[in-house]
Amino acid sequence: MKIKFLGAARTVTGSCYVIETDQARFAVDCGMHQGSDQIERRNLDTDLYNPSRIDFFIITHAHIDHSGLLPRMTQQGFRGPIYATEPTADLLKILLLDSAHIQEVEAAGRNKRLLRSGLKADAVPLYTTKDAQDVAPFLKTRKYDDTFSPAPGIRVRFQDAGHILGAAMAEVFIEENGSTLKLVFSGDIGRPNQLLMKDPCSMQQADFLFMESTYGNRNHKGEQESLDELAEAIRYSYRNGEKVIIPAFAVERTQEIIYSLHLLLRDGKLPKDMPVYLDSPLAIKATEIFRRYASYLDGETQGLMKNGEDPLNLPNLKLSTTTADSIQINETKEPAIVISASGMANAGRIKHHLRHNLWRPGASIVFVGFQAEGTPGRRIVDGAKKIRINNEDIAVAAKVFTINGFSAHAGQDQLLEWLRGFQNKGMQVFLVHGESSAQEHLAALIREKFGLSVTLPEYLEEIVLKPGTAFQEIKPPATAAPPVELSPLLTDLKVKLDGVADKMGKFQSLSASQQAEIADLLKQAALKIDEIKNKS
């Protein structure tokens, strides 16, 4: 059988692994690529997937970096079943529609800018609302622990990954040439003992393991330490009469933050007169799905609900559903907590809340999840002095808190502990869904502690798997993704800068408004160069 890595290879987004056997061609996950412009351009390369030739999809969970290209697949000819757990299927129906809306809004915005520049308005969304709606009829639900056969010679079983509601690890059994190979796709492995979710299932055997590595180079803070740090952010902004802004993914992270605020209120650490705004229609809908599938939540949460306590609600929680509601939040002068999507601050209403609060010294910006390279959230966490939001440079003067203890991903020690459950010494491990530094660190520990073979696949790498032998690479990543040649780009930049310098003699003869416009453009260019230097 052949496997091709179409995403989450040396990155944390775009999860998709296409498997081709002598009986079927299918894929595990179909995630959107998120991050830098270079990474996001991969979303347009639909031909690499050959959607009309994919027989079925197995979706580990609903997060967009694992599911967000499904509408693109149906748009381009995919017509097979999409297998997922029941909660995942319901979450997909709202998440994909929201994603489509974002695509449409961003395309409309690009077209306005093109028209204002006198250019042709030819931007089109990656996919539309109709494309997202077209996914729903193909969703086929399966329960944890039930084995099903989506094609001859292939059996699949979902196990609880403990990551978000309905998240699964996929055990895939493939029969070829009289032998059966077991592949395990970990999906995103949950953090043990996190609020709401059950702990991830342990496994004992696999021939080939495709394991996530998001936090392969670090551990998380403890539960109480994370709650204390959230309480500190609240105290800081409440004392200063400003807002606490929390970028949070609509699914799981938002619900965990509400649960955490419920605990702080119970302990007297959340001011009773401090409103909490949930400014995300998607998160509001997702919270209702959490209530609908309460049996998937951990025993502690179910116990609270049975006793009449609702950890997904607060007496001072205000739900913001309309654009007018959202705008009103930034017009209020009182201290408040604002939870909004997206979690990496690269889309959605959170961008407007950052624009209104990031420059305020008394405000708090609280990041409670992983921030991918190239996203505004990552730039803020890495210490940027300014970031660009909606074509405006915004100073970073608010106090920034990074609380990874709320992550739905297992930390380094927890990943290693989960891996310890596997008993067969000949298992081959492929680390996916992680940045290179995290993967290399984790790979070294796995080799040292367990003596296992570990591979870090590259984007578009293609391999052959056979029983009892090491994998064979049939498409080297260098062929699929040649390195970027920077020298011509730098030479061209130098020529252009020299050209600008030559024209500065005429600067004083320009009007005040023209001088101000040129000064702003030069400041923007300087910020971009600083950003390049920081990444080098």
Protein backbone atom coordinates (compact mmCIF):
# COMPACT_ATOMS: atom_id res chain seq x y z
CA MET A 1 0.00 0.00 0.00
CA LYS A 2 1.04 3.61 -0.56
CA ILE A 3 0.58 6.59 1.72
CA LYS A 4 0.98 10.22 0.67
CA PHE A 5 1.30 13.07 3.17
CA LEU A 6 -0.82 15.94 1.90
CA GLY A 7 -0.65 17.97 5.11
CA ALA A 8 0.40 18.18 8.76
CA ALA A 9 3.90 17.17 7.67
CA ARG A 10 6.39 19.36 9.53
CA THR A 11 3.42 21.68 10.25
CA VAL A 12 0.40 21.55 12.57
CA THR A 13 -2.37 22.16 10.04
CA GLY A 14 -3.79 20.59 6.89
CA SER A 15 -3.96 17.03 8.23
CA CYS A 16 -4.55 14.61 5.35
CA TYR A 17 -3.03 11.21 4.60
CA VAL A 18 -4.10 9.49 1.38
CA ILE A 19 -3.85 5.69 1.49
CA GLU A 20 -3.95 3.59 -1.66
CA THR A 21 -4.40 -0.18 -1.47
CA ASP A 22 -5.19 -2.76 -4.16
CA GLN A 23 -8.87 -2.40 -3.13
CA ALA A 24 -9.43 1.30 -2.43
CA ARG A 25 -8.05 4.83 -2.33
CA PHE A 26 -9.10 6.74 0.79
CA ALA A 27 -7.92 9.46 3.15
CA VAL A 28 -7.65 10.02 6.87
CA ASP A 29 -8.66 13.63 7.60
CA CYS A 30 -8.99 16.51 5.15
CA GLY A 31 -7.77 19.59 6.97
CA MET A 32 -7.37 23.19 5.90
CA HIS A 33 -3.83 24.58 5.73
CA GLN A 34 -3.48 27.57 8.07
CA GLY A 35 -0.62 29.94 8.82
CA SER A 36 1.64 31.83 6.43
CA ASP A 37 0.58 32.80 2.90
CA GLN A 38 2.87 30.09 1.53
CA ILE A 39 1.19 27.43 3.68
CA GLU A 40 -2.33 28.64 2.92
CA ARG A 41 -1.73 28.54 -0.84
CA ARG A 42 -1.74 24.74 -0.46
CA ASN A 43 -5.52 24.93 -0.03
CA LEU A 44 -5.76 25.72 -3.75
CA ASP A 45 -3.83 22.60 -4.84
CA THR A 46 -6.92 20.40 -5.06
CA ASP A 47 -5.50 18.40 -7.98
CA LEU A 48 -3.01 16.80 -5.57
CA TYR A 49 -5.95 15.14 -3.78
CA ASN A 50 -7.68 13.96 -6.96
CA PRO A 51 -11.03 14.13 -5.09
CA SER A 52 -13.11 12.19 -7.61
CA ARG A 53 -10.84 9.16 -7.08
CA ILE A 54 -11.09 9.14 -3.28
CA ASP A 55 -13.48 6.36 -2.22
CA PHE A 56 -14.10 7.57 1.34
CA PHE A 57 -12.78 9.79 4.14
CA ILE A 58 -12.14 8.95 7.79
CA ILE A 59 -12.36 12.12 9.89
CA THR A 60 -10.78 11.97 13.34
CA HIS A 61 -12.45 15.15 14.66
CA ALA A 62 -14.20 18.35 13.64
CA HIS A 63 -11.46 20.98 13.98
CA ILE A 64 -10.97 22.81 10.70
CA ASP A 65 -7.30 21.82 10.43
CA HIS A 66 -8.57 18.22 10.16
CA SER A 67 -11.80 18.75 8.21
CA GLY A 68 -11.83 22.18 6.57
CA LEU A 69 -11.18 21.08 2.98
CA LEU A 70 -14.11 18.66 2.79
CA PRO A 71 -16.28 21.25 0.96
CA ARG A 72 -13.44 21.73 -1.50
CA MET A 73 -13.47 17.96 -2.09
CA THR A 74 -17.21 17.77 -2.83
CA GLN A 75 -16.86 20.89 -4.99
CA GLN A 76 -14.21 19.07 -7.04
CA GLY A 77 -16.01 15.75 -7.51
CA PHE A 78 -15.79 13.65 -4.32
CA ARG A 79 -18.98 11.61 -3.85
CA GLY A 80 -18.13 8.92 -1.29
CA PRO A 81 -18.99 8.45 2.39
CA ILE A 82 -17.31 10.50 5.13
CA TYR A 83 -17.01 8.45 8.34
CA ALA A 84 -16.96 10.18 11.74
CA THR A 85 -18.40 9.83 15.23
CA GLU A 86 -21.88 11.24 15.88
CA PRO A 87 -20.74 14.38 17.74
CA THR A 88 -18.10 15.05 15.08
CA ALA A 89 -20.71 14.86 12.31
CA ASP A 90 -22.96 17.38 14.09
CA LEU A 91 -20.03 19.71 14.77
CA LEU A 92 -18.89 19.46 11.15
CA LYS A 93 -22.26 20.72 9.95
CA ILE A 94 -21.82 24.03 11.80
CA LEU A 95 -18.03 24.39 11.55
CA LEU A 96 -17.90 23.96 7.77
CA LEU A 97 -20.72 26.45 7.24
CA ASP A 98 -18.87 28.96 9.39
CA SER A 99 -15.66 28.34 7.48
CA ALA A 100 -17.48 28.86 4.17
CA HIS A 101 -18.90 32.15 5.45
CA ILE A 102 -15.38 33.30 6.32
CA GLN A 103 -14.16 32.35 2.82
CA GLU A 104 -16.99 34.33 1.23
CA VAL A 105 -16.46 37.40 3.42
CA GLU A 106 -12.70 37.43 2.80
CA ALA A 107 -13.17 37.08 -0.97
CA ALA A 108 -15.66 39.95 -0.95
CA GLY A 109 -13.17 42.07 0.99
CA ARG A 110 -10.38 41.32 -1.47
CA ASN A 111 -12.64 42.29 -4.36
CA LYS A 112 -13.45 45.65 -2.74
CA ARG A 113 -9.74 46.37 -2.37
CA LEU A 114 -9.08 45.37 -5.97
CA LEU A 115 -11.85 47.64 -7.24
CA ARG A 116 -10.58 50.57 -5.17
CA SER A 117 -7.18 50.04 -6.81
CA GLY A 118 -8.72 50.08 -10.28
CA LEU A 119 -8.14 46.36 -10.79
CA LYS A 120 -10.45 43.55 -11.80
CA ALA A 121 -12.42 42.02 -8.93
CA ASP A 122 -11.58 38.37 -9.60
CA ALA A 123 -11.17 36.94 -6.08
CA VAL A 124 -13.32 33.87 -5.42
CA PRO A 125 -13.85 32.03 -2.13
CA LEU A 126 -12.07 28.74 -1.58
CA TYR A 127 -15.57 27.30 -1.26
CA THR A 128 -19.08 28.60 -0.69
CA THR A 129 -21.88 28.03 1.78
CA LYS A 130 -23.52 25.72 -0.74
CA ASP A 131 -20.31 23.67 -1.01
CA ALA A 132 -20.29 23.28 2.79
CA GLN A 133 -23.96 22.27 2.81
CA ASP A 134 -23.20 19.64 0.15
CA VAL A 135 -20.94 17.78 2.61
CA ALA A 136 -23.74 16.82 5.04
CA PRO A 137 -25.41 14.08 2.91
CA PHE A 138 -22.11 12.17 2.75
CA LEU A 139 -21.59 12.02 6.54
CA LYS A 140 -21.88 8.50 7.98
CA THR A 141 -21.64 8.14 11.76
CA ARG A 142 -20.01 5.35 13.75
CA LYS A 143 -19.66 4.83 17.50
CA TYR A 144 -16.48 4.31 19.49
CA ASP A 145 -15.30 0.66 19.58
CA ASP A 146 -17.56 -0.42 16.67
CA THR A 147 -15.63 -2.02 13.81
CA PHE A 148 -16.89 -1.26 10.29
CA SER A 149 -15.70 -2.11 6.78
CA PRO A 150 -15.81 0.86 4.38
CA ALA A 151 -14.29 -1.20 1.54
CA PRO A 152 -13.27 -4.80 0.85
CA GLY A 153 -10.16 -5.76 2.84
CA ILE A 154 -10.35 -2.66 5.06
CA ARG A 155 -11.69 -2.44 8.62
CA VAL A 156 -11.80 0.67 10.80
CA ARG A 157 -12.44 1.25 14.50
CA PHE A 158 -12.73 4.59 16.31
CA GLN A 159 -11.36 5.00 19.86
CA ASP A 160 -11.81 8.02 22.13
CA ALA A 161 -8.90 10.44 21.62
CA GLY A 162 -9.89 12.62 24.60
CA HIS A 163 -9.14 15.78 22.58
CA ILE A 164 -12.50 17.45 21.87
CA LEU A 165 -16.09 16.24 21.80
CA GLY A 166 -16.28 13.20 19.51
CA ALA A 167 -12.57 13.17 18.69
CA ALA A 168 -11.26 9.76 17.68
CA MET A 169 -8.12 7.79 17.05
CA ALA A 170 -8.54 5.58 13.99
CA GLU A 171 -7.40 1.96 13.97
CA VAL A 172 -7.21 0.86 10.34
CA PHE A 173 -6.74 -2.82 9.44
CA ILE A 174 -5.74 -3.47 5.82
CA GLU A 175 -5.55 -6.91 4.22
CA GLU A 176 -3.20 -7.27 1.25
CA ASN A 177 -1.50 -10.27 -0.30
CA GLY A 178 -2.65 -12.60 2.49
CA SER A 179 -1.36 -10.36 5.32
CA THR A 180 -3.05 -7.83 7.58
CA LEU A 181 -1.38 -4.58 8.55
CA LYS A 182 -2.62 -2.41 11.39
CA LEU A 183 -2.23 1.34 11.03
CA VAL A 184 -3.08 3.68 13.90
CA PHE A 185 -3.77 7.36 13.24
CA SER A 186 -3.71 9.13 16.58
CA GLY A 187 -5.61 12.21 15.42
CA ASP A 188 -5.01 14.82 18.13
CA ILE A 189 -4.25 13.15 21.45
CA GLY A 190 -6.03 14.77 24.36
CA ARG A 191 -4.51 16.07 27.57
CA PRO A 192 -5.32 13.70 30.43
CA ASN A 193 -7.44 15.15 33.25
CA GLN A 194 -8.62 18.13 31.22
CA LEU A 195 -12.02 19.57 31.99
CA LEU A 196 -15.01 18.08 30.13
CA MET A 197 -13.20 15.34 28.20
CA LYS A 198 -12.50 11.73 29.10
CA ASP A 199 -8.85 10.67 29.03
CA PRO A 200 -7.52 9.33 25.71
CA CYS A 201 -7.77 5.59 25.18
CA SER A 202 -4.60 3.55 25.41
CA MET A 203 -3.52 1.16 22.67
CA GLN A 204 -1.25 -1.86 22.67
CA GLN A 205 -0.42 -2.75 19.08
CA ALA A 206 0.21 -1.27 15.65
CA ASP A 207 2.49 -2.02 12.75
CA PHE A 208 2.64 1.65 11.75
CA LEU A 209 1.72 4.55 14.02
CA PHE A 210 0.99 8.04 12.70
CA MET A 211 1.27 10.14 15.84
CA GLU A 212 0.66 13.82 16.46
CA SER A 213 3.54 15.85 17.94
CA THR A 214 2.16 19.36 18.51
CA TYR A 215 3.76 19.72 21.94
CA GLY A 216 6.62 17.31 21.39
CA ASN A 217 9.16 19.71 22.87
CA ARG A 218 7.38 20.97 25.97
CA ASN A 219 4.94 20.21 28.76
CA HIS A 220 1.89 22.11 29.95
CA LYS A 221 1.34 23.97 33.18
CA GLY A 222 -0.79 22.24 35.78
CA GLU A 223 -4.55 22.73 36.04
CA GLN A 224 -4.44 24.90 39.17
CA GLU A 225 -1.53 26.97 37.89
CA SER A 226 -3.49 27.69 34.70
CA LEU A 227 -6.59 28.71 36.66
CA ASP A 228 -4.47 30.98 38.84
CA GLU A 229 -2.93 32.64 35.78
CA LEU A 230 -6.38 33.20 34.25
CA ALA A 231 -7.49 34.75 37.56
CA GLU A 232 -4.42 37.02 37.47
CA ALA A 233 -5.33 38.26 33.97
CA ILE A 234 -8.86 38.99 35.18
CA ARG A 235 -7.62 40.87 38.29
CA TYR A 236 -5.20 42.93 36.19
CA SER A 237 -7.79 44.19 33.71
CA TYR A 238 -10.59 44.54 36.27
CA ARG A 239 -8.34 46.75 38.38
CA ASN A 240 -7.48 48.84 35.31
CA GLY A 241 -11.05 49.09 34.07
CA GLU A 242 -10.22 47.28 30.81
CA LYS A 243 -11.19 44.08 29.04
CA VAL A 244 -9.78 40.55 29.03
CA ILE A 245 -9.70 39.31 25.43
CA ILE A 246 -9.53 35.52 24.97
CA PRO A 247 -9.10 34.18 21.42
CA ALA A 248 -10.57 30.69 21.62
CA PHE A 249 -11.60 27.98 19.20
CA ALA A 250 -15.37 27.58 19.14
CA VAL A 251 -15.21 23.86 19.91
CA GLU A 252 -13.86 22.57 23.23
CA ARG A 253 -11.58 25.51 24.11
CA THR A 254 -14.48 27.94 24.54
CA GLN A 255 -16.42 25.42 26.61
CA GLU A 256 -13.38 24.69 28.79
CA ILE A 257 -12.84 28.41 29.41
CA ILE A 258 -16.48 28.86 30.46
CA TYR A 259 -16.07 25.85 32.78
CA SER A 260 -12.89 27.43 34.19
CA LEU A 261 -14.68 30.75 34.78
CA HIS A 262 -17.45 28.75 36.50
CA LEU A 263 -14.79 27.37 38.89
CA LEU A 264 -13.24 30.82 39.47
CA LEU A 265 -16.68 32.28 40.25
CA ARG A 266 -17.35 29.48 42.70
CA ASP A 267 -14.02 30.26 44.41
CA GLY A 268 -14.66 34.00 44.53
CA LYS A 269 -11.98 34.84 41.94
CA LEU A 270 -14.30 36.18 39.23
CA PRO A 271 -15.93 39.54 40.08
CA LYS A 272 -19.70 39.10 40.11
CA ASP A 273 -20.20 42.42 38.32
CA MET A 274 -17.81 41.57 35.48
CA PRO A 275 -19.78 40.47 32.40
CA VAL A 276 -18.51 37.59 30.26
CA TYR A 277 -19.31 37.99 26.56
CA LEU A 278 -19.34 34.92 24.36
CA ASP A 279 -19.01 36.65 21.00
CA SER A 280 -19.15 33.68 18.67
CA PRO A 281 -22.40 32.38 17.17
CA LEU A 282 -20.49 29.23 16.24
CA ALA A 283 -19.33 28.63 19.83
CA ILE A 284 -22.90 29.19 21.07
CA LYS A 285 -24.15 26.48 18.68
CA ALA A 286 -21.25 24.18 19.59
CA THR A 287 -22.05 24.49 23.30
CA GLU A 288 -25.57 23.21 22.62
CA ILE A 289 -24.05 20.20 20.85
CA PHE A 290 -21.88 19.56 23.94
CA ARG A 291 -25.05 19.45 26.03
CA ARG A 292 -26.73 17.12 23.50
CA TYR A 293 -23.86 14.63 23.78
CA ALA A 294 -23.29 14.84 27.53
CA SER A 295 -22.67 11.07 27.65
CA TYR A 296 -19.38 11.67 25.79
CA LEU A 297 -18.13 14.00 28.55
CA ASP A 298 -16.13 12.88 31.57
CA GLY A 299 -17.70 11.51 34.74
CA GLU A 300 -17.12 14.66 36.79
CA THR A 301 -18.94 16.87 34.27
CA GLN A 302 -21.83 14.41 33.96
CA GLY A 303 -22.08 14.32 37.75
CA LEU A 304 -22.33 18.10 37.99
CA MET A 305 -25.06 18.17 35.34
CA LYS A 306 -27.07 15.44 37.07
CA ASN A 307 -26.93 17.49 40.28
CA GLY A 308 -28.35 20.54 38.51
CA GLU A 309 -25.07 22.44 38.20
CA ASP A 310 -24.26 23.71 34.70
CA PRO A 311 -20.51 24.15 34.14
CA LEU A 312 -21.24 25.48 30.64
CA ASN A 313 -23.10 28.53 31.92
CA LEU A 314 -22.49 31.58 34.12
CA PRO A 315 -24.94 34.01 35.74
CA ASN A 316 -23.09 36.91 34.05
CA LEU A 317 -22.66 35.18 30.66
CA LYS A 318 -23.95 37.25 27.74
CA LEU A 319 -24.38 35.60 24.33
CA SER A 320 -23.55 37.77 21.33
CA THR A 321 -25.19 36.46 18.17
CA THR A 322 -25.50 39.46 15.84
CA THR A 323 -22.96 41.86 14.38
CA ALA A 324 -24.65 44.66 16.29
CA ASP A 325 -24.18 42.72 19.55
CA SER A 326 -20.48 42.34 18.75
CA ILE A 327 -20.00 46.02 17.95
CA GLN A 328 -21.76 47.01 21.18
CA ILE A 329 -19.16 45.11 23.25
CA ASN A 330 -16.41 47.47 22.14
CA GLU A 331 -18.58 50.50 22.84
CA THR A 332 -18.99 49.57 26.52
CA LYS A 333 -16.48 51.13 28.91
CA GLU A 334 -16.82 48.63 31.76
CA PRO A 335 -14.27 45.88 32.44
CA ALA A 336 -15.37 42.62 30.84
CA ILE A 337 -14.20 39.26 29.58
CA VAL A 338 -14.61 38.64 25.84
CA ILE A 339 -14.30 35.12 24.42
CA SER A 340 -14.28 35.04 20.63
CA ALA A 341 -12.98 33.04 17.68
CA SER A 342 -10.74 32.20 16.03
CA GLY A 343 -8.25 30.78 18.49
CA MET A 344 -5.23 31.88 16.46
CA ALA A 345 -6.68 35.37 15.86
CA ASN A 346 -6.42 34.91 12.09
CA ALA A 347 -10.14 35.21 11.29
CA GLY A 348 -13.50 36.04 12.79
CA ARG A 349 -14.72 38.59 15.31
CA ILE A 350 -11.64 38.29 17.53
CA LYS A 351 -9.72 40.47 15.07
CA HIS A 352 -12.04 43.39 15.83
CA HIS A 353 -11.70 42.90 19.60
CA LEU A 354 -7.91 42.86 19.28
CA ARG A 355 -8.03 45.99 17.15
CA HIS A 356 -9.99 47.78 19.90
CA ASN A 357 -8.02 46.46 22.89
CA LEU A 358 -4.52 45.31 21.93
CA TRP A 359 -3.14 48.87 22.21
CA ARG A 360 -4.63 49.50 25.66
CA PRO A 361 -2.03 49.14 28.48
CA GLY A 362 -4.59 47.92 31.03
CA ALA A 363 -6.13 45.21 28.84
CA SER A 364 -5.20 41.53 28.91
CA ILE A 365 -4.86 39.23 25.90
CA VAL A 366 -5.06 35.61 27.01
CA PHE A 367 -3.97 32.87 24.61
CA VAL A 368 -5.21 29.45 25.67
CA GLY A 369 -4.13 27.26 22.77
CA PHE A 370 -1.46 26.56 20.20
CA GLN A 371 -0.57 29.44 17.86
CA ALA A 372 0.66 28.23 14.44
CA GLU A 373 3.55 29.90 12.65
CA GLY A 374 2.49 32.85 10.52
CA THR A 375 -0.71 33.62 12.46
CA PRO A 376 -1.36 36.93 14.27
CA GLY A 377 -1.61 35.01 17.54
CA ARG A 378 1.87 33.56 17.07
CA ARG A 379 3.33 36.99 16.30
CA ILE A 380 1.82 38.43 19.48
CA VAL A 381 3.02 35.50 21.61
CA ASP A 382 6.51 35.84 20.10
CA GLY A 383 6.70 39.45 21.26
CA ALA A 384 5.76 41.57 18.25
CA LYS A 385 5.52 45.28 19.11
CA LYS A 386 2.91 45.85 16.41
CA ILE A 387 0.69 43.64 14.29
CA ARG A 388 -1.41 44.44 11.27
CA ILE A 389 -5.17 43.96 11.62
CA ASN A 390 -7.56 44.90 8.83
CA ASN A 391 -4.90 46.97 7.06
CA GLU A 392 -4.04 48.92 10.21
CA ASP A 393 -0.92 48.66 12.37
CA ILE A 394 -1.92 48.09 16.00
CA ALA A 395 0.54 48.53 18.87
CA VAL A 396 0.83 45.68 21.37
CA ALA A 397 0.53 47.44 24.73
CA ALA A 398 -1.87 45.06 26.50
CA LYS A 399 -0.49 42.45 28.88
CA VAL A 400 -0.14 39.12 27.07
CA PHE A 401 -0.77 35.83 28.88
CA THR A 402 0.02 32.45 27.29
CA ILE A 403 -1.66 29.64 29.25
CA ASN A 404 -0.93 26.35 27.51
CA GLY A 405 -2.40 24.45 30.46
CA PHE A 406 -5.76 24.83 28.75
CA SER A 407 -4.55 23.05 25.63
CA ALA A 408 -6.61 20.12 24.40
CA HIS A 409 -3.36 18.49 23.20
CA ALA A 410 -1.19 16.20 25.30
CA GLY A 411 2.14 17.66 26.38
CA GLN A 412 5.49 16.00 25.81
CA ASP A 413 5.45 13.70 28.86
CA GLN A 414 1.83 12.78 28.20
CA LEU A 415 2.60 11.88 24.58
CA LEU A 416 5.43 9.63 25.74
CA GLU A 417 3.24 8.02 28.39
CA TRP A 418 0.55 7.28 25.79
CA LEU A 419 3.16 5.78 23.47
CA ARG A 420 4.42 3.57 26.30
CA GLY A 421 1.21 1.54 26.03
CA PHE A 422 2.27 -0.04 22.72
CA GLN A 423 3.83 -3.46 23.27
CA ASN A 424 5.26 -4.47 19.86
CA LYS A 425 8.90 -3.45 19.51
CA GLY A 426 8.91 -3.52 15.69
CA MET A 427 6.37 -0.74 15.33
CA GLN A 428 7.37 2.12 13.00
CA VAL A 429 6.42 5.63 14.10
CA PHE A 430 5.68 8.58 11.82
CA LEU A 431 5.46 11.92 13.61
CA VAL A 432 2.91 14.25 12.07
CA HIS A 433 1.00 17.40 13.09
CA GLY A 434 3.94 19.26 14.60
CA GLU A 435 6.53 21.87 13.77
CA SER A 436 10.01 20.60 12.96
CA SER A 437 11.61 21.62 16.27
CA ALA A 438 8.92 19.84 18.31
CA GLN A 439 9.10 16.73 16.12
CA GLU A 440 12.88 16.44 16.22
CA HIS A 441 12.91 16.77 19.99
CA LEU A 442 10.18 14.16 20.45
CA ALA A 443 11.74 11.79 17.90
CA ALA A 444 15.03 11.80 19.82
CA LEU A 445 13.23 10.95 23.07
CA ILE A 446 11.23 8.13 21.43
CA ARG A 447 14.37 6.56 19.99
CA GLU A 448 16.18 6.89 23.32
CA LYS A 449 13.38 5.64 25.58
CA PHE A 450 11.70 3.01 23.40
CA GLY A 451 14.22 2.12 20.68
CA LEU A 452 11.58 2.58 17.99
CA SER A 453 12.10 3.62 14.37
CA VAL A 454 10.86 7.22 13.97
CA THR A 455 10.35 9.13 10.72
CA LEU A 456 9.43 12.79 10.19
CA PRO A 457 7.57 12.91 6.85
CA GLU A 458 7.77 15.90 4.56
CA TYR A 459 4.90 17.56 2.71
CA LEU A 460 3.95 15.51 -0.39
CA GLU A 461 6.26 12.66 0.58
CA GLU A 462 4.95 9.30 -0.62
CA ILE A 463 5.89 5.93 0.89
CA VAL A 464 5.15 2.22 0.48
CA LEU A 465 4.30 0.08 3.51
CA LYS A 466 4.83 -3.67 3.59
CA PRO A 467 4.53 -6.15 6.48
CA GLY A 468 7.73 -6.88 8.38
CA THR A 469 9.92 -4.44 6.45
CA ALA A 470 10.93 -0.81 6.67
CA PHE A 471 8.91 1.61 4.60
CA GLN A 472 10.11 2.52 1.12
CA GLU A 473 10.11 6.12 -0.06
CA ILE A 474 8.89 6.40 -3.67
CA LYS A 475 8.57 10.16 -3.99
CA PRO A 476 11.28 12.16 -2.23
CA PRO A 477 10.00 15.39 -0.69
CA ALA A 478 12.71 17.42 -2.46
CA THR A 479 11.09 16.52 -5.77
CA ALA A 480 7.62 17.43 -4.57
CA ALA A 481 8.54 20.65 -2.77
CA PRO A 482 11.79 22.27 -3.98
CA PRO A 483 13.47 24.73 -1.59
CA VAL A 484 12.72 28.41 -2.05
CA GLU A 485 15.60 30.34 -3.63
CA LEU A 486 15.95 33.57 -1.67
CA SER A 487 18.91 35.22 -3.44
CA PRO A 488 16.93 36.58 -6.44
CA LEU A 489 14.25 37.91 -4.10
CA LEU A 490 16.82 39.72 -1.95
CA THR A 491 18.55 41.16 -5.02
CA ASP A 492 15.24 42.43 -6.38
CA LEU A 493 14.40 43.97 -2.99
CA LYS A 494 17.75 45.79 -2.86
CA VAL A 495 17.23 47.21 -6.36
CA LYS A 496 13.79 48.49 -5.40
CA LEU A 497 15.06 50.05 -2.15
CA ASP A 498 17.85 51.79 -4.07
CA GLY A 499 15.23 53.09 -6.49
CA VAL A 500 13.20 54.50 -3.61
CA ALA A 501 16.30 56.17 -2.13
CA ASP A 502 17.10 57.80 -5.49
CA LYS A 503 13.66 59.45 -5.52
CA MET A 504 13.84 60.80 -1.98
CA GLY A 505 15.34 64.05 -3.31
CA LYS A 506 11.87 64.99 -4.52
CA PHE A 507 10.26 64.12 -1.18
CA GLN A 508 10.17 67.69 0.18
CA SER A 509 8.35 68.94 -2.91
CA LEU A 510 5.38 66.65 -2.28
CA SER A 511 2.25 67.68 -0.40
CA ALA A 512 1.99 66.98 3.33
CA SER A 513 -0.57 64.21 2.75
CA GLN A 514 1.67 62.53 0.12
CA GLN A 515 4.65 62.72 2.47
CA ALA A 516 2.59 61.16 5.27
CA GLU A 517 1.41 58.37 2.98
CA ILE A 518 4.98 57.55 1.90
CA ALA A 519 6.16 57.63 5.52
CA ASP A 520 3.44 55.15 6.49
CA LEU A 521 4.42 52.82 3.64
CA LEU A 522 8.08 52.95 4.70
CA LYS A 523 7.09 52.16 8.30
CA GLN A 524 5.08 49.17 7.11
CA ALA A 525 8.03 47.96 5.03
CA ALA A 526 10.34 48.34 8.04
CA LEU A 527 7.95 46.28 10.19
CA LYS A 528 7.91 43.52 7.57
CA ILE A 529 11.71 43.48 7.44
CA ASP A 530 11.85 43.25 11.25
CA GLU A 531 9.43 40.32 11.04
CA ILE A 532 11.72 38.58 8.52
CA LYS A 533 14.74 39.18 10.78
CA ASN A 534 12.91 37.69 13.77
CA LYS A 535 12.09 34.53 11.79
CA SER A 536 15.65 34.09 10.51
